C-alpha cells in the first residue's frame, strides 16, 4: 500500500506486525504489546478460536516458537495492573534468541502503554534515514517516551 504513494521511499518501507495473538512473519520488524506465553492464558472466554485445536494454540503461543523468530522483535508491557508482566518475564527467561528485545514500562498498564509507545515507535521509524533499517528501541528510550507522553 505505501509503495503506491509517490513520495514513499520504496527501499525504506518496512512491514511491521504484531505477534500478540498471532504469528509475526515476513516482517522487517515486529512489536508486541502485552503478550501472553500461551494463548490459553487469555482464558477460554476471551479467545476467538477453538481452544481444543492444538494448531490454533500453537500459532498463538509465543513460548513455543519464540526461539524461531528471525526478525527484530520488541516485546513491551507495563508493570501495572491490568497487565501480562508475568508472561513477559516468562518469555524473557525462556528467550535465547538475540532477535527478541524486552521492555518493561514502569507505571504503565497493559492498555496505557499502547498509544504513547505506538506513536513513539512510528516516529522513530519515520526518522530512521539510514540506507538500511537501523531502528533501535532500548528499554530506557521506550520508558522515557512513555514518561514524556504522560506529562502532556
C-alpha atoms as a PDB file:
ATOM      1  CA  UNK A   1       0.000   0.000   0.000  1.00  0.00           C
ATOM      2  CA  UNK A   2       2.725   2.510   0.951  1.00  0.00           C
ATOM      3  CA  UNK A   3       4.677   1.691  -2.192  1.00  0.00           C
ATOM      4  CA  UNK A   4       1.834   3.253  -4.198  1.00  0.00           C
ATOM      5  CA  UNK A   5       2.394   6.678  -2.606  1.00  0.00           C
ATOM      6  CA  UNK A   6       4.523   8.806  -4.995  1.00  0.00           C
ATOM      7  CA  UNK A   7       6.826  10.232  -2.297  1.00  0.00           C
ATOM      8  CA  UNK A   8       7.342   6.926  -0.479  1.00  0.00           C
ATOM      9  CA  UNK A   9      10.946   5.857  -0.257  1.00  0.00           C
ATOM     10  CA  UNK A  10      10.402   2.382  -1.639  1.00  0.00           C
ATOM     11  CA  UNK A  11      13.659   0.972  -0.279  1.00  0.00           C
ATOM     12  CA  UNK A  12      12.832   2.283   3.187  1.00  0.00           C
ATOM     13  CA  UNK A  13       9.299   0.930   3.537  1.00  0.00           C
ATOM     14  CA  UNK A  14       9.158  -1.627   6.313  1.00  0.00           C
ATOM     15  CA  UNK A  15       6.483  -4.083   7.157  1.00  0.00           C
ATOM     16  CA  UNK A  16       5.677  -4.340  10.829  1.00  0.00           C
ATOM     17  CA  UNK A  17       3.389  -6.773  12.538  1.00  0.00           C
ATOM     18  CA  UNK A  18       2.146  -7.624  15.973  1.00  0.00           C
ATOM     19  CA  UNK A  19       2.616 -11.142  17.171  1.00  0.00           C
ATOM     20  CA  UNK A  20       0.173 -10.768  20.007  1.00  0.00           C
ATOM     21  CA  UNK A  21      -2.406 -13.484  19.354  1.00  0.00           C
ATOM     22  CA  UNK A  22      -0.789 -14.414  16.076  1.00  0.00           C
ATOM     23  CA  UNK A  23       2.392 -15.175  14.219  1.00  0.00           C
ATOM     24  CA  UNK A  24       4.788 -12.436  13.209  1.00  0.00           C
ATOM     25  CA  UNK A  25       6.301 -13.434   9.913  1.00  0.00           C
ATOM     26  CA  UNK A  26       7.762 -11.875   6.781  1.00  0.00           C
ATOM     27  CA  UNK A  27       8.319  -8.541   8.500  1.00  0.00           C
ATOM     28  CA  UNK A  28      11.331  -6.272   8.850  1.00  0.00           C
ATOM     29  CA  UNK A  29      10.456  -5.595  12.493  1.00  0.00           C
ATOM     30  CA  UNK A  30       7.771  -6.637  14.907  1.00  0.00           C
ATOM     31  CA  UNK A  31       6.439  -5.266  18.111  1.00  0.00           C
ATOM     32  CA  UNK A  32       4.227  -6.883  20.662  1.00  0.00           C
ATOM     33  CA  UNK A  33       2.428  -5.160  23.477  1.00  0.00           C
ATOM     34  CA  UNK A  34       1.429  -7.342  26.397  1.00  0.00           C
ATOM     35  CA  UNK A  35       1.826 -10.840  25.018  1.00  0.00           C
ATOM     36  CA  UNK A  36       0.999 -13.950  26.972  1.00  0.00           C
ATOM     37  CA  UNK A  37       3.205 -17.037  26.928  1.00  0.00           C
ATOM     38  CA  UNK A  38       0.336 -19.233  25.750  1.00  0.00           C
ATOM     39  CA  UNK A  39      -2.977 -18.291  24.168  1.00  0.00           C
ATOM     40  CA  UNK A  40      -4.774 -20.324  26.818  1.00  0.00           C
ATOM     41  CA  UNK A  41      -3.564 -17.734  29.356  1.00  0.00           C
ATOM     42  CA  UNK A  42      -6.174 -15.335  27.983  1.00  0.00           C
ATOM     43  CA  UNK A  43      -8.898 -17.617  29.314  1.00  0.00           C
ATOM     44  CA  UNK A  44     -11.374 -19.585  27.234  1.00  0.00           C
ATOM     45  CA  UNK A  45     -13.978 -16.827  27.361  1.00  0.00           C
ATOM     46  CA  UNK A  46     -11.603 -14.356  25.665  1.00  0.00           C
ATOM     47  CA  UNK A  47     -10.214 -16.434  22.818  1.00  0.00           C
ATOM     48  CA  UNK A  48     -11.669 -16.204  19.326  1.00  0.00           C
ATOM     49  CA  UNK A  49     -10.594 -19.651  18.202  1.00  0.00           C
ATOM     50  CA  UNK A  50     -11.290 -23.242  19.158  1.00  0.00           C
ATOM     51  CA  UNK A  51      -9.003 -23.888  22.159  1.00  0.00           C
ATOM     52  CA  UNK A  52      -9.311 -27.639  21.669  1.00  0.00           C
ATOM     53  CA  UNK A  53      -7.314 -27.370  18.432  1.00  0.00           C
ATOM     54  CA  UNK A  54      -3.580 -27.743  19.177  1.00  0.00           C
ATOM     55  CA  UNK A  55      -2.552 -25.931  15.984  1.00  0.00           C
ATOM     56  CA  UNK A  56      -4.630 -22.901  16.972  1.00  0.00           C
ATOM     57  CA  UNK A  57      -2.978 -22.774  20.386  1.00  0.00           C
ATOM     58  CA  UNK A  58       0.493 -23.225  18.875  1.00  0.00           C
ATOM     59  CA  UNK A  59       0.043 -20.296  16.479  1.00  0.00           C
ATOM     60  CA  UNK A  60      -0.879 -18.006  19.353  1.00  0.00           C
ATOM     61  CA  UNK A  61       1.634 -19.191  21.967  1.00  0.00           C
ATOM     62  CA  UNK A  62       4.972 -17.401  21.639  1.00  0.00           C
ATOM     63  CA  UNK A  63       6.653 -19.569  24.267  1.00  0.00           C
ATOM     64  CA  UNK A  64       6.592 -22.389  21.714  1.00  0.00           C
ATOM     65  CA  UNK A  65       8.168 -20.513  18.786  1.00  0.00           C
ATOM     66  CA  UNK A  66      10.000 -17.534  20.300  1.00  0.00           C
ATOM     67  CA  UNK A  67      13.282 -19.301  19.543  1.00  0.00           C
ATOM     68  CA  UNK A  68      12.457 -19.248  15.812  1.00  0.00           C
ATOM     69  CA  UNK A  69      11.789 -15.518  15.369  1.00  0.00           C
ATOM     70  CA  UNK A  70      14.024 -14.281  12.554  1.00  0.00           C
ATOM     71  CA  UNK A  71      13.428 -10.508  12.613  1.00  0.00           C
ATOM     72  CA  UNK A  72      13.995  -7.975  15.390  1.00  0.00           C
ATOM     73  CA  UNK A  73      11.009  -8.215  17.705  1.00  0.00           C
ATOM     74  CA  UNK A  74      10.249  -5.823  20.547  1.00  0.00           C
ATOM     75  CA  UNK A  75       8.085  -7.236  23.334  1.00  0.00           C
ATOM     76  CA  UNK A  76       6.681  -4.447  25.508  1.00  0.00           C
ATOM     77  CA  UNK A  77       4.470  -4.462  28.602  1.00  0.00           C
ATOM     78  CA  UNK A  78       3.668  -2.219  31.529  1.00  0.00           C
ATOM     79  CA  UNK A  79       4.363  -3.450  35.039  1.00  0.00           C
ATOM     80  CA  UNK A  80       0.970  -2.271  36.357  1.00  0.00           C
ATOM     81  CA  UNK A  81      -2.431  -3.877  36.616  1.00  0.00           C
ATOM     82  CA  UNK A  82      -4.062  -4.952  34.414  1.00  0.00           C
ATOM     83  CA  UNK A  83      -1.203  -6.468  32.511  1.00  0.00           C
ATOM     84  CA  UNK A  84       0.747  -9.500  31.430  1.00  0.00           C
ATOM     85  CA  UNK A  85       4.060  -8.698  33.098  1.00  0.00           C
ATOM     86  CA  UNK A  86       4.465 -12.266  34.389  1.00  0.00           C
ATOM     87  CA  UNK A  87       4.155 -13.575  30.839  1.00  0.00           C
ATOM     88  CA  UNK A  88       6.691 -11.058  29.545  1.00  0.00           C
ATOM     89  CA  UNK A  89       9.136 -12.122  32.271  1.00  0.00           C
ATOM     90  CA  UNK A  90       8.449 -15.783  31.472  1.00  0.00           C
ATOM     91  CA  UNK A  91       9.158 -15.207  27.778  1.00  0.00           C
ATOM     92  CA  UNK A  92      12.293 -13.259  28.634  1.00  0.00           C
ATOM     93  CA  UNK A  93      13.518 -16.123  30.827  1.00  0.00           C
ATOM     94  CA  UNK A  94      12.887 -18.639  28.018  1.00  0.00           C
ATOM     95  CA  UNK A  95      14.499 -16.418  25.402  1.00  0.00           C
ATOM     96  CA  UNK A  96      17.891 -17.288  23.964  1.00  0.00           C
ATOM     97  CA  UNK A  97      17.233 -15.521  20.660  1.00  0.00           C
ATOM     98  CA  UNK A  98      19.124 -12.231  20.067  1.00  0.00           C
ATOM     99  CA  UNK A  99      16.326 -11.014  17.752  1.00  0.00           C
ATOM    100  CA  UNK A 100      13.996 -10.608  20.746  1.00  0.00           C
ATOM    101  CA  UNK A 101      14.130  -7.466  22.873  1.00  0.00           C
ATOM    102  CA  UNK A 102      12.077  -6.996  26.038  1.00  0.00           C
ATOM    103  CA  UNK A 103      10.969  -3.769  27.722  1.00  0.00           C
ATOM    104  CA  UNK A 104       9.048  -3.341  30.958  1.00  0.00           C
ATOM    105  CA  UNK A 105       7.497   0.105  31.231  1.00  0.00           C
ATOM    106  CA  UNK A 106       7.287   1.176  34.873  1.00  0.00           C
ATOM    107  CA  UNK A 107       3.955   2.594  35.946  1.00  0.00           C
ATOM    108  CA  UNK A 108       2.207   1.584  32.729  1.00  0.00           C
ATOM    109  CA  UNK A 109      -0.610  -0.916  32.370  1.00  0.00           C
ATOM    110  CA  UNK A 110      -1.377  -3.347  29.589  1.00  0.00           C
ATOM    111  CA  UNK A 111      -3.521  -0.629  27.994  1.00  0.00           C
ATOM    112  CA  UNK A 112      -1.885   2.685  28.929  1.00  0.00           C
ATOM    113  CA  UNK A 113       1.355   1.757  27.174  1.00  0.00           C
ATOM    114  CA  UNK A 114      -0.226   1.224  23.740  1.00  0.00           C
ATOM    115  CA  UNK A 115      -0.985   4.689  22.370  1.00  0.00           C
ATOM    116  CA  UNK A 116       2.099   6.619  23.507  1.00  0.00           C
ATOM    117  CA  UNK A 117       4.578   3.940  22.501  1.00  0.00           C
ATOM    118  CA  UNK A 118       2.892   3.223  19.187  1.00  0.00           C
ATOM    119  CA  UNK A 119       3.298   6.923  18.384  1.00  0.00           C
ATOM    120  CA  UNK A 120       6.921   6.884  19.561  1.00  0.00           C
ATOM    121  CA  UNK A 121       7.828   3.778  17.547  1.00  0.00           C
ATOM    122  CA  UNK A 122       6.182   5.228  14.432  1.00  0.00           C
ATOM    123  CA  UNK A 123       8.125   8.498  14.852  1.00  0.00           C
ATOM    124  CA  UNK A 124      11.386   6.567  15.201  1.00  0.00           C
ATOM    125  CA  UNK A 125      10.646   4.592  12.047  1.00  0.00           C
ATOM    126  CA  UNK A 126       9.939   7.796  10.112  1.00  0.00           C
ATOM    127  CA  UNK A 127      13.116   9.438  11.441  1.00  0.00           C
ATOM    128  CA  UNK A 128      15.312   6.444  10.537  1.00  0.00           C
ATOM    129  CA  UNK A 129      17.037   7.580   7.329  1.00  0.00           C
ATOM    130  CA  UNK A 130      19.843   5.033   7.235  1.00  0.00           C
ATOM    131  CA  UNK A 131      20.436   3.219   3.954  1.00  0.00           C
ATOM    132  CA  UNK A 132      19.283   0.049   5.704  1.00  0.00           C
ATOM    133  CA  UNK A 133      16.922  -0.109   8.671  1.00  0.00           C
ATOM    134  CA  UNK A 134      18.704   0.907  11.857  1.00  0.00           C
ATOM    135  CA  UNK A 135      15.792   1.171  14.264  1.00  0.00           C
ATOM    136  CA  UNK A 136      16.893   0.730  17.862  1.00  0.00           C
ATOM    137  CA  UNK A 137      14.307   0.637  20.632  1.00  0.00           C
ATOM    138  CA  UNK A 138      16.006   0.342  24.002  1.00  0.00           C
ATOM    139  CA  UNK A 139      14.049  -0.232  27.209  1.00  0.00           C
ATOM    140  CA  UNK A 140      15.326   3.120  28.537  1.00  0.00           C
ATOM    141  CA  UNK A 141      14.214   5.008  25.410  1.00  0.00           C
ATOM    142  CA  UNK A 142      10.777   3.365  25.477  1.00  0.00           C
ATOM    143  CA  UNK A 143      10.390   4.143  29.172  1.00  0.00           C
ATOM    144  CA  UNK A 144      11.443   7.784  28.600  1.00  0.00           C
ATOM    145  CA  UNK A 145       8.974   8.111  25.704  1.00  0.00           C
ATOM    146  CA  UNK A 146       6.167   6.799  27.921  1.00  0.00           C
ATOM    147  CA  UNK A 147       7.060   9.269  30.707  1.00  0.00           C
ATOM    148  CA  UNK A 148       7.211  12.173  28.249  1.00  0.00           C
ATOM    149  CA  UNK A 149       3.792  11.288  26.807  1.00  0.00           C
ATOM    150  CA  UNK A 150       2.332  11.008  30.296  1.00  0.00           C
ATOM    151  CA  UNK A 151       3.442  14.574  31.155  1.00  0.00           C
ATOM    152  CA  UNK A 152       1.471  16.012  28.228  1.00  0.00           C
END
